[in-house]
């Protein structure tokens, strides 16, 4: 198995849609205050290819 490529999962519903932070991740916490978001970063995922030679 080998690495093919990686991508960032940054769908619209994960982002702040207005204000000075527009386009950044909708965070769960900002300091000690709960905001109800998802994370302070976008998740990443990788594509792997299985070798034909086993």
PDB file of N, CA and C in Angstrom:
ATOM      1  N   UNK A   1       0.853  -1.163   0.000  1.00  0.00           N
ATOM      2  CA  UNK A   1       0.000   0.000   0.000  1.00  0.00           C
ATOM      3  C   UNK A   1       0.902   1.231   0.000  1.00  0.00           C
ATOM      4  N   UNK A   2       0.485   2.255  -0.751  1.00  0.00           N
ATOM      5  CA  UNK A   2       1.284   3.469  -0.773  1.00  0.00           C
ATOM      6  C   UNK A   2       0.390   4.704  -0.821  1.00  0.00           C
ATOM      7  N   UNK A   3       0.963   5.809  -0.414  1.00  0.00           N
ATOM      8  CA  UNK A   3       0.270   7.094  -0.373  1.00  0.00           C
ATOM      9  C   UNK A   3       0.029   7.593  -1.785  1.00  0.00           C
ATOM     10  N   UNK A   4      -1.209   8.025  -2.050  1.00  0.00           N
ATOM     11  CA  UNK A   4      -1.550   8.594  -3.345  1.00  0.00           C
ATOM     12  C   UNK A   4      -1.620  10.116  -3.257  1.00  0.00           C
ATOM     13  N   UNK A   5      -2.536  10.641  -2.430  1.00  0.00           N
ATOM     14  CA  UNK A   5      -2.615  12.078  -2.168  1.00  0.00           C
ATOM     15  C   UNK A   5      -3.482  12.336  -0.935  1.00  0.00           C
ATOM     16  N   UNK A   6      -3.460  13.584  -0.470  1.00  0.00           N
ATOM     17  CA  UNK A   6      -4.247  13.977   0.701  1.00  0.00           C
ATOM     18  C   UNK A   6      -5.068  15.207   0.359  1.00  0.00           C
ATOM     19  N   UNK A   7      -6.164  15.382   1.091  1.00  0.00           N
ATOM     20  CA  UNK A   7      -7.033  16.533   0.874  1.00  0.00           C
ATOM     21  C   UNK A   7      -7.511  17.079   2.217  1.00  0.00           C
ATOM     22  N   UNK A   8      -8.019  18.295   2.175  1.00  0.00           N
ATOM     23  CA  UNK A   8      -8.587  18.940   3.360  1.00  0.00           C
ATOM     24  C   UNK A   8     -10.103  18.909   3.224  1.00  0.00           C
ATOM     25  N   UNK A   9     -10.790  18.450   4.264  1.00  0.00           N
ATOM     26  CA  UNK A   9     -12.247  18.412   4.276  1.00  0.00           C
ATOM     27  C   UNK A   9     -12.729  19.759   4.786  1.00  0.00           C
ATOM     28  N   UNK A  10     -13.145  20.638   3.877  1.00  0.00           N
ATOM     29  CA  UNK A  10     -13.560  21.989   4.278  1.00  0.00           C
ATOM     30  C   UNK A  10     -14.894  22.373   3.639  1.00  0.00           C
ATOM     31  N   UNK A  11     -15.919  21.616   3.939  1.00  0.00           N
ATOM     32  CA  UNK A  11     -17.264  21.873   3.430  1.00  0.00           C
ATOM     33  C   UNK A  11     -17.832  23.164   4.021  1.00  0.00           C
ATOM     34  N   UNK A  12     -18.810  23.739   3.317  1.00  0.00           N
ATOM     35  CA  UNK A  12     -19.426  25.002   3.758  1.00  0.00           C
ATOM     36  C   UNK A  12     -19.960  24.934   5.187  1.00  0.00           C
ATOM     37  N   UNK A  13     -20.574  23.812   5.556  1.00  0.00           N
ATOM     38  CA  UNK A  13     -21.209  23.705   6.872  1.00  0.00           C
ATOM     39  C   UNK A  13     -20.197  23.634   8.016  1.00  0.00           C
ATOM     40  N   UNK A  14     -18.903  23.518   7.710  1.00  0.00           N
ATOM     41  CA  UNK A  14     -17.862  23.532   8.738  1.00  0.00           C
ATOM     42  C   UNK A  14     -17.289  24.932   8.971  1.00  0.00           C
ATOM     43  N   UNK A  15     -17.705  25.908   8.151  1.00  0.00           N
ATOM     44  CA  UNK A  15     -17.077  27.231   8.165  1.00  0.00           C
ATOM     45  C   UNK A  15     -17.977  28.297   8.785  1.00  0.00           C
ATOM     46  N   UNK A  16     -17.328  29.360   9.253  1.00  0.00           N
ATOM     47  CA  UNK A  16     -18.024  30.565   9.672  1.00  0.00           C
ATOM     48  C   UNK A  16     -18.405  31.297   8.392  1.00  0.00           C
ATOM     49  N   UNK A  17     -19.656  31.753   8.280  1.00  0.00           N
ATOM     50  CA  UNK A  17     -20.109  32.301   7.007  1.00  0.00           C
ATOM     51  C   UNK A  17     -20.201  33.825   6.952  1.00  0.00           C
ATOM     52  N   UNK A  18     -19.874  34.510   8.048  1.00  0.00           N
ATOM     53  CA  UNK A  18     -19.890  35.977   8.004  1.00  0.00           C
ATOM     54  C   UNK A  18     -18.903  36.547   9.019  1.00  0.00           C
ATOM     55  N   UNK A  19     -18.623  37.829   8.870  1.00  0.00           N
ATOM     56  CA  UNK A  19     -17.737  38.515   9.799  1.00  0.00           C
ATOM     57  C   UNK A  19     -16.274  38.404   9.423  1.00  0.00           C
ATOM     58  N   UNK A  20     -15.416  38.888  10.312  1.00  0.00           N
ATOM     59  CA  UNK A  20     -13.985  38.940  10.013  1.00  0.00           C
ATOM     60  C   UNK A  20     -13.340  37.549   9.941  1.00  0.00           C
ATOM     61  N   UNK A  21     -13.970  36.537  10.520  1.00  0.00           N
ATOM     62  CA  UNK A  21     -13.439  35.171  10.479  1.00  0.00           C
ATOM     63  C   UNK A  21     -14.096  34.319   9.388  1.00  0.00           C
ATOM     64  N   UNK A  22     -14.798  34.957   8.468  1.00  0.00           N
ATOM     65  CA  UNK A  22     -15.496  34.250   7.391  1.00  0.00           C
ATOM     66  C   UNK A  22     -14.547  33.274   6.683  1.00  0.00           C
ATOM     67  N   UNK A  23     -15.000  32.028   6.526  1.00  0.00           N
ATOM     68  CA  UNK A  23     -14.207  31.007   5.842  1.00  0.00           C
ATOM     69  C   UNK A  23     -13.351  30.165   6.766  1.00  0.00           C
ATOM     70  N   UNK A  24     -13.191  30.593   8.008  1.00  0.00           N
ATOM     71  CA  UNK A  24     -12.407  29.801   8.950  1.00  0.00           C
ATOM     72  C   UNK A  24     -13.305  28.748   9.612  1.00  0.00           C
ATOM     73  N   UNK A  25     -12.714  27.737  10.247  1.00  0.00           N
ATOM     74  CA  UNK A  25     -13.520  26.688  10.873  1.00  0.00           C
ATOM     75  C   UNK A  25     -14.427  27.234  11.988  1.00  0.00           C
ATOM     76  N   UNK A  26     -15.638  26.687  12.060  1.00  0.00           N
ATOM     77  CA  UNK A  26     -16.564  27.020  13.145  1.00  0.00           C
ATOM     78  C   UNK A  26     -16.114  26.230  14.365  1.00  0.00           C
ATOM     79  N   UNK A  27     -15.487  26.919  15.303  1.00  0.00           N
ATOM     80  CA  UNK A  27     -14.844  26.254  16.443  1.00  0.00           C
ATOM     81  C   UNK A  27     -15.832  25.817  17.510  1.00  0.00           C
ATOM     82  N   UNK A  28     -15.462  24.771  18.227  1.00  0.00           N
ATOM     83  CA  UNK A  28     -16.267  24.285  19.342  1.00  0.00           C
ATOM     84  C   UNK A  28     -16.160  25.246  20.522  1.00  0.00           C
ATOM     85  N   UNK A  29     -14.947  25.636  20.848  1.00  0.00           N
ATOM     86  CA  UNK A  29     -14.694  26.560  21.953  1.00  0.00           C
ATOM     87  C   UNK A  29     -13.881  27.747  21.463  1.00  0.00           C
ATOM     88  N   UNK A  30     -14.177  28.903  22.008  1.00  0.00           N
ATOM     89  CA  UNK A  30     -13.329  30.082  21.829  1.00  0.00           C
ATOM     90  C   UNK A  30     -12.948  30.489  23.246  1.00  0.00           C
ATOM     91  N   UNK A  31     -11.719  30.142  23.625  1.00  0.00           N
ATOM     92  CA  UNK A  31     -11.304  30.303  25.020  1.00  0.00           C
ATOM     93  C   UNK A  31     -12.121  29.354  25.877  1.00  0.00           C
ATOM     94  N   UNK A  32     -12.664  29.825  26.993  1.00  0.00           N
ATOM     95  CA  UNK A  32     -13.464  28.950  27.855  1.00  0.00           C
ATOM     96  C   UNK A  32     -14.947  28.865  27.432  1.00  0.00           C
ATOM     97  N   UNK A  33     -15.339  29.578  26.379  1.00  0.00           N
ATOM     98  CA  UNK A  33     -16.745  29.656  25.987  1.00  0.00           C
ATOM     99  C   UNK A  33     -17.096  28.659  24.887  1.00  0.00           C
ATOM    100  N   UNK A  34     -18.107  27.867  25.163  1.00  0.00           N
ATOM    101  CA  UNK A  34     -18.595  26.874  24.200  1.00  0.00           C
ATOM    102  C   UNK A  34     -19.370  27.576  23.084  1.00  0.00           C
ATOM    103  N   UNK A  35     -19.024  27.284  21.834  1.00  0.00           N
ATOM    104  CA  UNK A  35     -19.672  27.906  20.682  1.00  0.00           C
ATOM    105  C   UNK A  35     -20.591  26.941  19.924  1.00  0.00           C
ATOM    106  N   UNK A  36     -20.407  25.633  20.121  1.00  0.00           N
ATOM    107  CA  UNK A  36     -21.264  24.663  19.451  1.00  0.00           C
ATOM    108  C   UNK A  36     -20.771  24.260  18.083  1.00  0.00           C
ATOM    109  N   UNK A  37     -19.547  24.609  17.744  1.00  0.00           N
ATOM    110  CA  UNK A  37     -19.004  24.282  16.431  1.00  0.00           C
ATOM    111  C   UNK A  37     -18.455  22.876  16.361  1.00  0.00           C
ATOM    112  N   UNK A  38     -17.516  22.680  15.450  1.00  0.00           N
ATOM    113  CA  UNK A  38     -16.981  21.350  15.182  1.00  0.00           C
ATOM    114  C   UNK A  38     -15.536  21.174  15.635  1.00  0.00           C
ATOM    115  N   UNK A  39     -14.669  22.098  15.283  1.00  0.00           N
ATOM    116  CA  UNK A  39     -13.255  21.960  15.594  1.00  0.00           C
ATOM    117  C   UNK A  39     -12.563  23.292  15.363  1.00  0.00           C
ATOM    118  N   UNK A  40     -11.299  23.398  15.772  1.00  0.00           N
ATOM    119  CA  UNK A  40     -10.537  24.611  15.489  1.00  0.00           C
ATOM    120  C   UNK A  40      -9.657  24.429  14.251  1.00  0.00           C
ATOM    121  N   UNK A  41      -9.841  23.330  13.544  1.00  0.00           N
ATOM    122  CA  UNK A  41      -9.117  23.096  12.291  1.00  0.00           C
ATOM    123  C   UNK A  41      -9.977  22.212  11.393  1.00  0.00           C
ATOM    124  N   UNK A  42      -9.673  22.224  10.099  1.00  0.00           N
ATOM    125  CA  UNK A  42     -10.370  21.350   9.168  1.00  0.00           C
ATOM    126  C   UNK A  42      -9.703  19.982   9.187  1.00  0.00           C
ATOM    127  N   UNK A  43     -10.488  18.913   9.137  1.00  0.00           N
ATOM    128  CA  UNK A  43      -9.891  17.575   9.095  1.00  0.00           C
ATOM    129  C   UNK A  43      -9.202  17.324   7.746  1.00  0.00           C
ATOM    130  N   UNK A  44      -8.220  16.457   7.766  1.00  0.00           N
ATOM    131  CA  UNK A  44      -7.544  16.040   6.538  1.00  0.00           C
ATOM    132  C   UNK A  44      -7.738  14.537   6.370  1.00  0.00           C
ATOM    133  N   UNK A  45      -7.679  14.085   5.132  1.00  0.00           N
ATOM    134  CA  UNK A  45      -7.769  12.654   4.863  1.00  0.00           C
ATOM    135  C   UNK A  45      -6.842  12.301   3.721  1.00  0.00           C
ATOM    136  N   UNK A  46      -6.432  11.051   3.693  1.00  0.00           N
ATOM    137  CA  UNK A  46      -5.456  10.585   2.713  1.00  0.00           C
ATOM    138  C   UNK A  46      -6.039   9.446   1.888  1.00  0.00           C
ATOM    139  N   UNK A  47      -5.614   9.386   0.637  1.00  0.00           N
ATOM    140  CA  UNK A  47      -5.968   8.286  -0.248  1.00  0.00           C
ATOM    141  C   UNK A  47      -4.758   7.372  -0.368  1.00  0.00           C
ATOM    142  N   UNK A  48      -4.990   6.106  -0.162  1.00  0.00           N
ATOM    143  CA  UNK A  48      -3.937   5.102  -0.259  1.00  0.00           C
ATOM    144  C   UNK A  48      -4.274   4.151  -1.403  1.00  0.00           C
ATOM    145  N   UNK A  49      -3.259   3.627  -2.053  1.00  0.00           N
ATOM    146  CA  UNK A  49      -3.450   2.683  -3.148  1.00  0.00           C
ATOM    147  C   UNK A  49      -2.831   1.361  -2.751  1.00  0.00           C
ATOM    148  N   UNK A  50      -3.590   0.308  -2.918  1.00  0.00           N
ATOM    149  CA  UNK A  50      -3.108  -1.020  -2.601  1.00  0.00           C
ATOM    150  C   UNK A  50      -2.227  -1.529  -3.743  1.00  0.00           C
ATOM    151  N   UNK A  51      -1.059  -2.070  -3.394  1.00  0.00           N
ATOM    152  CA  UNK A  51      -0.165  -2.632  -4.409  1.00  0.00           C
ATOM    153  C   UNK A  51      -0.807  -3.853  -5.042  1.00  0.00           C
ATOM    154  N   UNK A  52      -0.622  -4.012  -6.337  1.00  0.00           N
ATOM    155  CA  UNK A  52      -1.106  -5.212  -7.025  1.00  0.00           C
ATOM    156  C   UNK A  52      -0.214  -6.394  -6.721  1.00  0.00           C
ATOM    157  N   UNK A  53       1.038  -6.105  -6.375  1.00  0.00           N
ATOM    158  CA  UNK A  53       2.007  -7.168  -6.036  1.00  0.00           C
ATOM    159  C   UNK A  53       1.860  -7.519  -4.564  1.00  0.00           C
ATOM    160  N   UNK A  54       1.288  -8.646  -4.265  1.00  0.00           N
ATOM    161  CA  UNK A  54       1.140  -9.048  -2.859  1.00  0.00           C
ATOM    162  C   UNK A  54       1.853 -10.356  -2.605  1.00  0.00           C
TER     163      UNK A  54
END
